[in-house]
Amino acid sequence: MPAVIEKPSQLFSAIAETLRSAIPGLNVGTHQDFDGTGDQPWVLIAIERDAPGNRANDGRIAHVLTISLQAVLPGAGLAACDLASELKNLVTDNRWTLPGEQCDLPMSIEGIPSTFVSETRAYSAWTVSFTQTLYLGPTLLEDPLGIPKFARTWEVSNIDDPDQYTALEG
């Protein structure tokens, strides 16, 4: 059973672990982790944005994260393009072993050529970016006693306030 997602950094860790498992010999990290030594390929993961989204059906708050995976390889840019294509295939329909009720499928997947500059050297790279929605926080359907609750937007002043929800009648 997948673990409960409590913070956006768990998506970062899940993506990194999946990439390491799927592509042997791949270095995965952040831009700060890149050391430029050796001839092994790197994928640099960044969470670019955390935008609001529509709440989940259970009331969890939506975090629409924009993720970028930058494929950096020493040498020719076409090798980076090939790795980016492989990354795009991995991203498609992947929840990274996270629970489906808290992690939507990736959307708006695209790959574009890019350049990665580390210290004084520029590397040919490709970046695969996508959005993925996580639903974090407590559900609003149940209080600590386990009583299902609801609220109608036209009857409450703040739909995000759990105290304005009322118990469902059985």
Protein backbone atom coordinates (compact mmCIF):
# COMPACT_ATOMS: atom_id res chain seq x y z
CA MET A 1 0.00 0.00 0.00
CA PRO A 2 1.42 3.42 -0.94
CA ALA A 3 2.30 5.84 1.84
CA VAL A 4 0.14 8.87 2.57
CA ILE A 5 1.49 12.02 0.90
CA GLU A 6 2.00 14.83 3.39
CA LYS A 7 4.26 17.29 1.50
CA PRO A 8 5.31 18.12 -2.09
CA SER A 9 8.89 16.93 -1.54
CA GLN A 10 7.54 13.36 -1.42
CA LEU A 11 6.73 13.64 -5.13
CA PHE A 12 10.32 14.73 -5.80
CA SER A 13 11.67 11.70 -3.89
CA ALA A 14 9.25 9.28 -5.58
CA ILE A 15 10.20 10.54 -9.06
CA ALA A 16 13.93 10.27 -8.26
CA GLU A 17 13.57 6.69 -6.99
CA THR A 18 11.51 5.64 -10.01
CA LEU A 19 14.06 7.13 -12.44
CA ARG A 20 16.99 5.43 -10.68
CA SER A 21 15.18 2.08 -10.85
CA ALA A 22 14.07 2.44 -14.47
CA ILE A 23 17.36 3.69 -15.96
CA PRO A 24 20.45 1.99 -14.49
CA GLY A 25 23.53 4.22 -14.20
CA LEU A 26 21.48 7.42 -14.21
CA ASN A 27 22.48 10.15 -11.76
CA VAL A 28 19.38 11.88 -10.37
CA GLY A 29 19.33 15.00 -8.22
CA THR A 30 18.88 18.74 -8.14
CA HIS A 31 20.84 21.40 -9.99
CA GLN A 32 23.00 21.79 -6.87
CA ASP A 33 23.84 18.06 -6.90
CA PHE A 34 25.34 18.15 -10.40
CA ASP A 35 29.12 17.74 -10.21
CA GLY A 36 30.03 17.59 -13.92
CA THR A 37 32.46 14.73 -13.46
CA GLY A 38 32.37 11.53 -15.45
CA ASP A 39 30.40 10.71 -18.53
CA GLN A 40 27.23 9.39 -16.89
CA PRO A 41 23.90 11.02 -17.77
CA TRP A 42 22.13 13.21 -15.23
CA VAL A 43 18.47 14.05 -14.72
CA LEU A 44 18.04 17.20 -12.69
CA ILE A 45 14.63 17.45 -11.03
CA ALA A 46 13.06 20.77 -10.08
CA ILE A 47 9.68 21.73 -8.69
CA GLU A 48 9.11 24.95 -10.62
CA ARG A 49 5.70 25.99 -9.31
CA ASP A 50 2.98 25.09 -6.82
CA ALA A 51 -0.34 26.48 -8.04
CA PRO A 52 -3.81 26.05 -6.56
CA GLY A 53 -6.27 23.57 -7.99
CA ASN A 54 -9.74 22.25 -7.28
CA ARG A 55 -10.09 20.35 -4.02
CA ALA A 56 -10.33 16.59 -4.16
CA ASN A 57 -13.71 14.97 -3.67
CA ASP A 58 -12.70 14.19 -0.07
CA GLY A 59 -11.83 17.84 0.59
CA ARG A 60 -8.03 17.66 0.47
CA ILE A 61 -6.30 20.81 -0.82
CA ALA A 62 -4.94 20.54 -4.37
CA HIS A 63 -1.34 21.47 -5.19
CA VAL A 64 -0.76 21.64 -8.96
CA LEU A 65 3.00 21.18 -9.19
CA THR A 66 4.99 22.03 -12.29
CA ILE A 67 7.91 19.61 -12.50
CA SER A 68 10.90 19.74 -14.81
CA LEU A 69 13.27 16.88 -15.56
CA GLN A 70 16.40 18.18 -17.29
CA ALA A 71 18.41 15.50 -19.11
CA VAL A 72 22.09 16.51 -19.12
CA LEU A 73 24.72 14.44 -20.92
CA PRO A 74 28.31 15.17 -21.79
CA GLY A 75 28.70 15.25 -25.56
CA ALA A 76 26.08 15.49 -28.28
CA GLY A 77 22.66 17.04 -27.76
CA LEU A 78 20.94 14.17 -29.56
CA ALA A 79 21.82 11.82 -26.71
CA ALA A 80 20.03 14.23 -24.36
CA CYS A 81 17.06 14.23 -26.75
CA ASP A 82 16.95 10.43 -26.64
CA LEU A 83 17.06 10.43 -22.83
CA ALA A 84 14.31 13.08 -22.75
CA SER A 85 12.17 10.85 -24.97
CA GLU A 86 12.69 7.98 -22.54
CA LEU A 87 11.78 10.29 -19.65
CA LYS A 88 8.61 11.40 -21.43
CA ASN A 89 7.60 7.76 -21.81
CA LEU A 90 8.20 7.20 -18.07
CA VAL A 91 6.24 10.31 -17.07
CA THR A 92 3.18 9.38 -19.13
CA ASP A 93 0.55 7.79 -16.85
CA ASN A 94 2.96 7.56 -13.88
CA ARG A 95 1.96 8.17 -10.27
CA TRP A 96 5.45 7.22 -9.02
CA THR A 97 4.06 4.58 -6.58
CA LEU A 98 2.10 7.29 -4.76
CA PRO A 99 -1.57 6.71 -3.83
CA GLY A 100 -4.00 7.48 -6.64
CA GLU A 101 -6.44 9.32 -4.37
CA GLN A 102 -3.69 11.83 -3.55
CA CYS A 103 -1.76 11.94 -6.85
CA ASP A 104 -3.30 12.61 -10.26
CA LEU A 105 -1.69 11.51 -13.51
CA PRO A 106 0.80 13.94 -15.11
CA MET A 107 -0.64 16.46 -17.55
CA SER A 108 0.75 18.86 -20.17
CA ILE A 109 3.88 16.79 -20.80
CA GLU A 110 6.36 18.38 -23.19
CA GLY A 111 10.04 18.15 -24.03
CA ILE A 112 12.16 21.03 -25.27
CA PRO A 113 15.87 21.52 -25.96
CA SER A 114 17.68 23.47 -23.26
CA THR A 115 21.11 24.35 -21.99
CA PHE A 116 22.46 23.63 -18.54
CA VAL A 117 25.28 25.86 -17.29
CA SER A 118 27.45 24.58 -14.46
CA GLU A 119 30.26 26.82 -13.29
CA THR A 120 32.03 27.78 -16.56
CA ARG A 121 30.77 25.00 -18.83
CA ALA A 122 27.55 24.78 -20.81
CA TYR A 123 25.95 21.40 -21.50
CA SER A 124 23.45 20.50 -24.19
CA ALA A 125 20.32 19.30 -22.48
CA TRP A 126 16.64 18.56 -22.95
CA THR A 127 13.93 19.38 -20.44
CA VAL A 128 10.74 17.39 -19.98
CA SER A 129 8.17 19.39 -18.04
CA PHE A 130 4.72 18.47 -16.81
CA THR A 131 2.14 19.31 -14.18
CA GLN A 132 0.97 16.86 -11.57
CA THR A 133 -1.65 17.48 -8.91
CA LEU A 134 -1.17 16.30 -5.34
CA TYR A 135 -3.96 16.43 -2.77
CA LEU A 136 -2.55 17.18 0.67
CA GLY A 137 -3.86 17.71 4.17
CA PRO A 138 -6.74 16.22 6.08
CA THR A 139 -9.96 15.22 4.44
CA LEU A 140 -12.99 17.36 5.19
CA LEU A 141 -15.41 14.46 4.93
CA GLU A 142 -14.69 13.17 8.40
CA ASP A 143 -14.00 14.76 11.72
CA PRO A 144 -11.94 12.95 14.40
CA LEU A 145 -15.03 10.89 15.35
CA GLY A 146 -15.43 9.63 11.81
CA ILE A 147 -18.74 11.38 11.11
CA PRO A 148 -19.09 12.31 7.41
CA LYS A 149 -19.63 16.05 6.89
CA PHE A 150 -20.66 18.29 4.01
CA ALA A 151 -21.21 21.94 3.13
CA ARG A 152 -23.03 23.71 0.33
CA THR A 153 -21.16 26.65 -1.15
CA TRP A 154 -24.28 28.79 -1.18
CA GLU A 155 -24.95 28.17 2.54
CA VAL A 156 -21.51 28.89 4.03
CA SER A 157 -19.31 31.97 3.96
CA ASN A 158 -16.07 29.99 3.57
CA ILE A 159 -16.09 26.55 1.92
CA ASP A 160 -12.50 25.99 3.13
CA ASP A 161 -13.51 26.28 6.81
CA PRO A 162 -14.16 22.78 8.21
CA ASP A 163 -16.12 24.27 11.13
CA GLN A 164 -18.85 25.36 8.69
CA TYR A 165 -19.44 21.78 7.53
CA THR A 166 -22.37 19.85 9.03
CA ALA A 167 -22.85 16.15 9.66
CA LEU A 168 -24.58 14.06 7.03
CA GLU A 169 -27.92 12.69 8.15
CA GLY A 170 -28.20 8.92 8.06
